[in-house]
Each structure stands twice: as structure tokens, then as C-alpha cells.
Amino acid sequence: MRMKNEYRSTLQNLQLKTTPKRLAILEVLAQESIYLSPEEIWKRMKERFEKIGLPTVYRNLEELSEGHVLSKVVLPDGQRYYYLCKNRSHHHHFVCIDCRKVEDIHCCGVKKIEEEVRKRIKGMMVSHILQVNGLCRECSRSKKNGHAE
């Protein structure tokens, strides 16, 4: 119940209506420590809502992502996934491309890029997004030992 109240206040802060479907999307993602595709979320939502279309899921995911409630994970093939990150401080993500686990990275090396933008491009950096894709410890070990899962 505490989580639902937290989600309600988050949606209110974003000036989004608190709907059962939005709350359910947040609940589905809160149960995971991996990123999920819109299609995976939609399939889980269909268990609870007889009438829910994939476009509704996509629209809600984008609204929640734009409001920084959800983190968008974009893989090299361009496919988008979503992850509910509870860390509200400035950080970045390491995304395992094998098991889909997401880990927080607490350092930010953007100062040199900001300097490059300011000095060479004569621009002003307003924000940035950094996502590091790779293999987590377990998946890396598994690959080294020749155990493809």
C-alpha cells in the first residue's frame, strides 16, 4: 500500500492522472530488477486488464519516462526498454545486454565533454544521458567459461 501511495504522489507531482493502468505499469516494473520491453509489460497488464492496447502502454511508458519516473534503456539495435529506478540522485546505468540486469553507476565523467562543448563547439550543455552497455560479472564469467545460457 505504501508503494501505491508513493506512485500516486509521483503521478500527481507530474500532473498526470492517477489511473489504475498507470499504477499497474509502475507495479509491474517495481517487481523487476531487469528492464522490460513494452510488449512484455503489455502481456503482464493483459492479465489484469481485459481491455488494454499496446499503444496505451507505449504512451504511458513515454509519459513516465519523460517525467523521470522510469529510465529508458536503448540497446544498440535501437529497441527501447524500461526500468523503474528508485535512485533519485544523479547517476547513470550499466546495462547487462545478456541477463538484462541494470546497475547504478555513481560517478559522472561528463566534465570533459561539457568543456569540449563549451570551448570547441561554443555551445552550452543542458543535460546528458549516459548508459553503459556490457556484460555483468556473472554473464562475463559465464561467457569466459564457455557456458552460453
C-alpha atoms as a PDB file:
ATOM      1  CA  MET A   1       0.000   0.000   0.000  1.00  0.00           C
ATOM      2  CA  ARG A   2       2.906   2.354   0.787  1.00  0.00           C
ATOM      3  CA  MET A   3       4.218   1.874  -2.750  1.00  0.00           C
ATOM      4  CA  LYS A   4       0.836   2.694  -4.279  1.00  0.00           C
ATOM      5  CA  ASN A   5       0.691   5.918  -2.263  1.00  0.00           C
ATOM      6  CA  GLU A   6       4.223   6.762  -3.388  1.00  0.00           C
ATOM      7  CA  TYR A   7       3.223   6.186  -7.024  1.00  0.00           C
ATOM      8  CA  ARG A   8       0.090   8.287  -6.580  1.00  0.00           C
ATOM      9  CA  SER A   9       2.070  11.256  -5.279  1.00  0.00           C
ATOM     10  CA  THR A  10       4.661  10.827  -8.049  1.00  0.00           C
ATOM     11  CA  LEU A  11       1.926  10.935 -10.687  1.00  0.00           C
ATOM     12  CA  GLN A  12       0.316  13.953  -9.017  1.00  0.00           C
ATOM     13  CA  ASN A  13       3.669  15.767  -8.994  1.00  0.00           C
ATOM     14  CA  LEU A  14       3.908  15.160 -12.757  1.00  0.00           C
ATOM     15  CA  GLN A  15       0.324  16.385 -13.148  1.00  0.00           C
ATOM     16  CA  LEU A  16      -0.684  13.005 -14.584  1.00  0.00           C
ATOM     17  CA  LYS A  17      -3.978  11.409 -13.695  1.00  0.00           C
ATOM     18  CA  THR A  18      -3.649   8.518 -11.272  1.00  0.00           C
ATOM     19  CA  THR A  19      -5.226   5.733 -13.287  1.00  0.00           C
ATOM     20  CA  PRO A  20      -5.324   2.022 -12.466  1.00  0.00           C
ATOM     21  CA  LYS A  21      -3.312   1.300 -15.630  1.00  0.00           C
ATOM     22  CA  ARG A  22      -0.534   3.758 -14.785  1.00  0.00           C
ATOM     23  CA  LEU A  23      -0.314   2.377 -11.270  1.00  0.00           C
ATOM     24  CA  ALA A  24      -0.227  -1.174 -12.658  1.00  0.00           C
ATOM     25  CA  ILE A  25       2.641  -0.310 -15.026  1.00  0.00           C
ATOM     26  CA  LEU A  26       4.646   1.006 -12.085  1.00  0.00           C
ATOM     27  CA  GLU A  27       3.798  -2.083 -10.032  1.00  0.00           C
ATOM     28  CA  VAL A  28       4.888  -4.436 -12.855  1.00  0.00           C
ATOM     29  CA  LEU A  29       8.229  -2.663 -13.179  1.00  0.00           C
ATOM     30  CA  ALA A  30       8.714  -2.408  -9.396  1.00  0.00           C
ATOM     31  CA  GLN A  31       8.687  -6.212  -9.212  1.00  0.00           C
ATOM     32  CA  GLU A  32      11.703  -6.472 -11.528  1.00  0.00           C
ATOM     33  CA  SER A  33      15.417  -5.776 -11.268  1.00  0.00           C
ATOM     34  CA  ILE A  34      15.759  -6.023 -15.061  1.00  0.00           C
ATOM     35  CA  TYR A  35      14.485  -3.875 -17.890  1.00  0.00           C
ATOM     36  CA  LEU A  36      11.321  -4.895 -19.732  1.00  0.00           C
ATOM     37  CA  SER A  37      10.051  -4.226 -23.232  1.00  0.00           C
ATOM     38  CA  PRO A  38       6.706  -2.514 -23.773  1.00  0.00           C
ATOM     39  CA  GLU A  39       5.400  -5.811 -25.160  1.00  0.00           C
ATOM     40  CA  GLU A  40       6.429  -7.697 -22.001  1.00  0.00           C
ATOM     41  CA  ILE A  41       4.737  -5.075 -19.831  1.00  0.00           C
ATOM     42  CA  TRP A  42       1.623  -5.202 -22.033  1.00  0.00           C
ATOM     43  CA  LYS A  43       1.380  -9.008 -21.699  1.00  0.00           C
ATOM     44  CA  ARG A  44       1.512  -8.714 -17.910  1.00  0.00           C
ATOM     45  CA  MET A  45      -1.032  -5.909 -17.970  1.00  0.00           C
ATOM     46  CA  LYS A  46      -3.450  -8.026 -20.018  1.00  0.00           C
ATOM     47  CA  GLU A  47      -3.634 -10.422 -17.063  1.00  0.00           C
ATOM     48  CA  ARG A  48      -5.196  -7.615 -15.015  1.00  0.00           C
ATOM     49  CA  PHE A  49      -6.970  -5.535 -17.646  1.00  0.00           C
ATOM     50  CA  GLU A  50      -9.108  -7.196 -20.255  1.00  0.00           C
ATOM     51  CA  LYS A  51      -9.076  -4.114 -22.465  1.00  0.00           C
ATOM     52  CA  ILE A  52      -5.642  -2.577 -22.733  1.00  0.00           C
ATOM     53  CA  GLY A  53      -3.946  -1.841 -26.007  1.00  0.00           C
ATOM     54  CA  LEU A  54      -0.248  -1.787 -26.709  1.00  0.00           C
ATOM     55  CA  PRO A  55      -0.434   1.906 -27.775  1.00  0.00           C
ATOM     56  CA  THR A  56      -1.787   2.748 -24.294  1.00  0.00           C
ATOM     57  CA  VAL A  57       1.202   1.026 -22.703  1.00  0.00           C
ATOM     58  CA  TYR A  58       3.653   2.816 -25.039  1.00  0.00           C
ATOM     59  CA  ARG A  59       2.060   6.218 -24.354  1.00  0.00           C
ATOM     60  CA  ASN A  60       2.148   5.730 -20.585  1.00  0.00           C
ATOM     61  CA  LEU A  61       5.736   4.476 -20.647  1.00  0.00           C
ATOM     62  CA  GLU A  62       6.824   7.549 -22.608  1.00  0.00           C
ATOM     63  CA  GLU A  63       4.987   9.918 -20.236  1.00  0.00           C
ATOM     64  CA  LEU A  64       6.548   8.245 -17.199  1.00  0.00           C
ATOM     65  CA  SER A  65       9.966   8.263 -18.849  1.00  0.00           C
ATOM     66  CA  GLU A  66       9.702  11.956 -19.752  1.00  0.00           C
ATOM     67  CA  GLY A  67       8.782  12.635 -16.118  1.00  0.00           C
ATOM     68  CA  HIS A  68      11.933  10.752 -14.996  1.00  0.00           C
ATOM     69  CA  VAL A  69       9.881   8.162 -13.125  1.00  0.00           C
ATOM     70  CA  LEU A  70      11.118   5.413 -15.443  1.00  0.00           C
ATOM     71  CA  SER A  71      14.509   5.020 -17.046  1.00  0.00           C
ATOM     72  CA  LYS A  72      14.541   4.289 -20.740  1.00  0.00           C
ATOM     73  CA  VAL A  73      17.095   1.699 -21.836  1.00  0.00           C
ATOM     74  CA  VAL A  74      18.055   1.816 -25.510  1.00  0.00           C
ATOM     75  CA  LEU A  75      20.085  -1.090 -26.843  1.00  0.00           C
ATOM     76  CA  PRO A  76      22.457  -0.869 -29.830  1.00  0.00           C
ATOM     77  CA  ASP A  77      19.730  -2.251 -32.137  1.00  0.00           C
ATOM     78  CA  GLY A  78      17.510   0.716 -31.191  1.00  0.00           C
ATOM     79  CA  GLN A  79      14.987  -1.357 -29.222  1.00  0.00           C
ATOM     80  CA  ARG A  80      13.611   0.529 -26.211  1.00  0.00           C
ATOM     81  CA  TYR A  81      13.065  -0.965 -22.796  1.00  0.00           C
ATOM     82  CA  TYR A  82      12.016   0.499 -19.464  1.00  0.00           C
ATOM     83  CA  TYR A  83      13.279   0.173 -15.910  1.00  0.00           C
ATOM     84  CA  LEU A  84      11.943   1.571 -12.639  1.00  0.00           C
ATOM     85  CA  CYS A  85      14.945   3.136 -10.962  1.00  0.00           C
ATOM     86  CA  LYS A  86      14.381   4.067  -7.354  1.00  0.00           C
ATOM     87  CA  ASN A  87      17.604   6.085  -7.123  1.00  0.00           C
ATOM     88  CA  ARG A  88      16.676   9.768  -7.448  1.00  0.00           C
ATOM     89  CA  SER A  89      20.217  11.160  -7.172  1.00  0.00           C
ATOM     90  CA  HIS A  90      22.320  11.959 -10.256  1.00  0.00           C
ATOM     91  CA  HIS A  91      23.714   8.718 -11.621  1.00  0.00           C
ATOM     92  CA  HIS A  92      23.993   6.609 -14.757  1.00  0.00           C
ATOM     93  CA  HIS A  93      23.288   2.977 -15.601  1.00  0.00           C
ATOM     94  CA  PHE A  94      25.278  -0.098 -16.525  1.00  0.00           C
ATOM     95  CA  VAL A  95      23.023  -2.399 -18.557  1.00  0.00           C
ATOM     96  CA  CYS A  96      23.855  -6.073 -18.992  1.00  0.00           C
ATOM     97  CA  ILE A  97      22.963  -6.950 -22.575  1.00  0.00           C
ATOM     98  CA  ASP A  98      22.780 -10.642 -21.683  1.00  0.00           C
ATOM     99  CA  CYS A  99      20.739 -11.037 -18.469  1.00  0.00           C
ATOM    100  CA  ARG A 100      19.165  -7.520 -18.677  1.00  0.00           C
ATOM    101  CA  LYS A 101      20.199  -6.502 -15.162  1.00  0.00           C
ATOM    102  CA  VAL A 102      20.577  -2.760 -14.538  1.00  0.00           C
ATOM    103  CA  GLU A 103      23.119  -1.414 -12.047  1.00  0.00           C
ATOM    104  CA  ASP A 104      23.675   2.162 -10.904  1.00  0.00           C
ATOM    105  CA  ILE A 105      26.932   3.933 -11.753  1.00  0.00           C
ATOM    106  CA  HIS A 106      27.615   6.657  -9.210  1.00  0.00           C
ATOM    107  CA  CYS A 107      30.393   8.554 -10.964  1.00  0.00           C
ATOM    108  CA  CYS A 108      29.937  11.008 -13.814  1.00  0.00           C
ATOM    109  CA  GLY A 109      32.747  11.841 -16.203  1.00  0.00           C
ATOM    110  CA  VAL A 110      30.905  14.455 -18.207  1.00  0.00           C
ATOM    111  CA  LYS A 111      33.023  17.483 -17.191  1.00  0.00           C
ATOM    112  CA  LYS A 112      35.459  16.998 -20.124  1.00  0.00           C
ATOM    113  CA  ILE A 113      32.586  16.663 -22.576  1.00  0.00           C
ATOM    114  CA  GLU A 114      30.977  19.806 -21.158  1.00  0.00           C
ATOM    115  CA  GLU A 115      34.285  21.636 -21.599  1.00  0.00           C
ATOM    116  CA  GLU A 116      34.565  20.391 -25.210  1.00  0.00           C
ATOM    117  CA  VAL A 117      31.032  21.597 -25.950  1.00  0.00           C
ATOM    118  CA  ARG A 118      31.759  24.988 -24.397  1.00  0.00           C
ATOM    119  CA  LYS A 119      35.223  25.594 -25.916  1.00  0.00           C
ATOM    120  CA  ARG A 120      35.237  23.885 -29.302  1.00  0.00           C
ATOM    121  CA  ILE A 121      31.570  23.891 -30.276  1.00  0.00           C
ATOM    122  CA  LYS A 122      30.827  27.161 -28.449  1.00  0.00           C
ATOM    123  CA  GLY A 123      27.627  25.609 -27.142  1.00  0.00           C
ATOM    124  CA  MET A 124      26.066  25.084 -23.766  1.00  0.00           C
ATOM    125  CA  MET A 125      25.285  21.649 -22.401  1.00  0.00           C
ATOM    126  CA  VAL A 126      21.874  21.491 -20.756  1.00  0.00           C
ATOM    127  CA  SER A 127      21.619  17.822 -19.815  1.00  0.00           C
ATOM    128  CA  HIS A 128      23.077  14.427 -20.596  1.00  0.00           C
ATOM    129  CA  ILE A 129      22.205  10.760 -20.561  1.00  0.00           C
ATOM    130  CA  LEU A 130      24.837   8.080 -20.203  1.00  0.00           C
ATOM    131  CA  GLN A 131      24.134   4.373 -20.467  1.00  0.00           C
ATOM    132  CA  VAL A 132      26.941   1.828 -20.437  1.00  0.00           C
ATOM    133  CA  ASN A 133      26.136  -1.473 -22.148  1.00  0.00           C
ATOM    134  CA  GLY A 134      28.125  -4.599 -21.383  1.00  0.00           C
ATOM    135  CA  LEU A 135      28.193  -7.901 -19.538  1.00  0.00           C
ATOM    136  CA  CYS A 136      27.740  -8.093 -15.764  1.00  0.00           C
ATOM    137  CA  ARG A 137      30.132 -10.155 -13.656  1.00  0.00           C
ATOM    138  CA  GLU A 138      28.024 -13.315 -13.821  1.00  0.00           C
ATOM    139  CA  CYS A 139      27.424 -13.130 -17.570  1.00  0.00           C
ATOM    140  CA  SER A 140      31.057 -12.239 -18.227  1.00  0.00           C
ATOM    141  CA  ARG A 141      32.226 -15.271 -16.223  1.00  0.00           C
ATOM    142  CA  SER A 142      29.726 -17.484 -17.998  1.00  0.00           C
ATOM    143  CA  LYS A 143      30.995 -16.347 -21.418  1.00  0.00           C
ATOM    144  CA  LYS A 144      34.650 -16.844 -20.397  1.00  0.00           C
ATOM    145  CA  ASN A 145      33.908 -20.369 -19.201  1.00  0.00           C
ATOM    146  CA  GLY A 146      32.093 -21.172 -22.434  1.00  0.00           C
ATOM    147  CA  HIS A 147      28.686 -21.593 -20.810  1.00  0.00           C
ATOM    148  CA  ALA A 148      26.271 -19.768 -23.040  1.00  0.00           C
ATOM    149  CA  GLU A 149      22.868 -19.526 -21.373  1.00  0.00           C
END
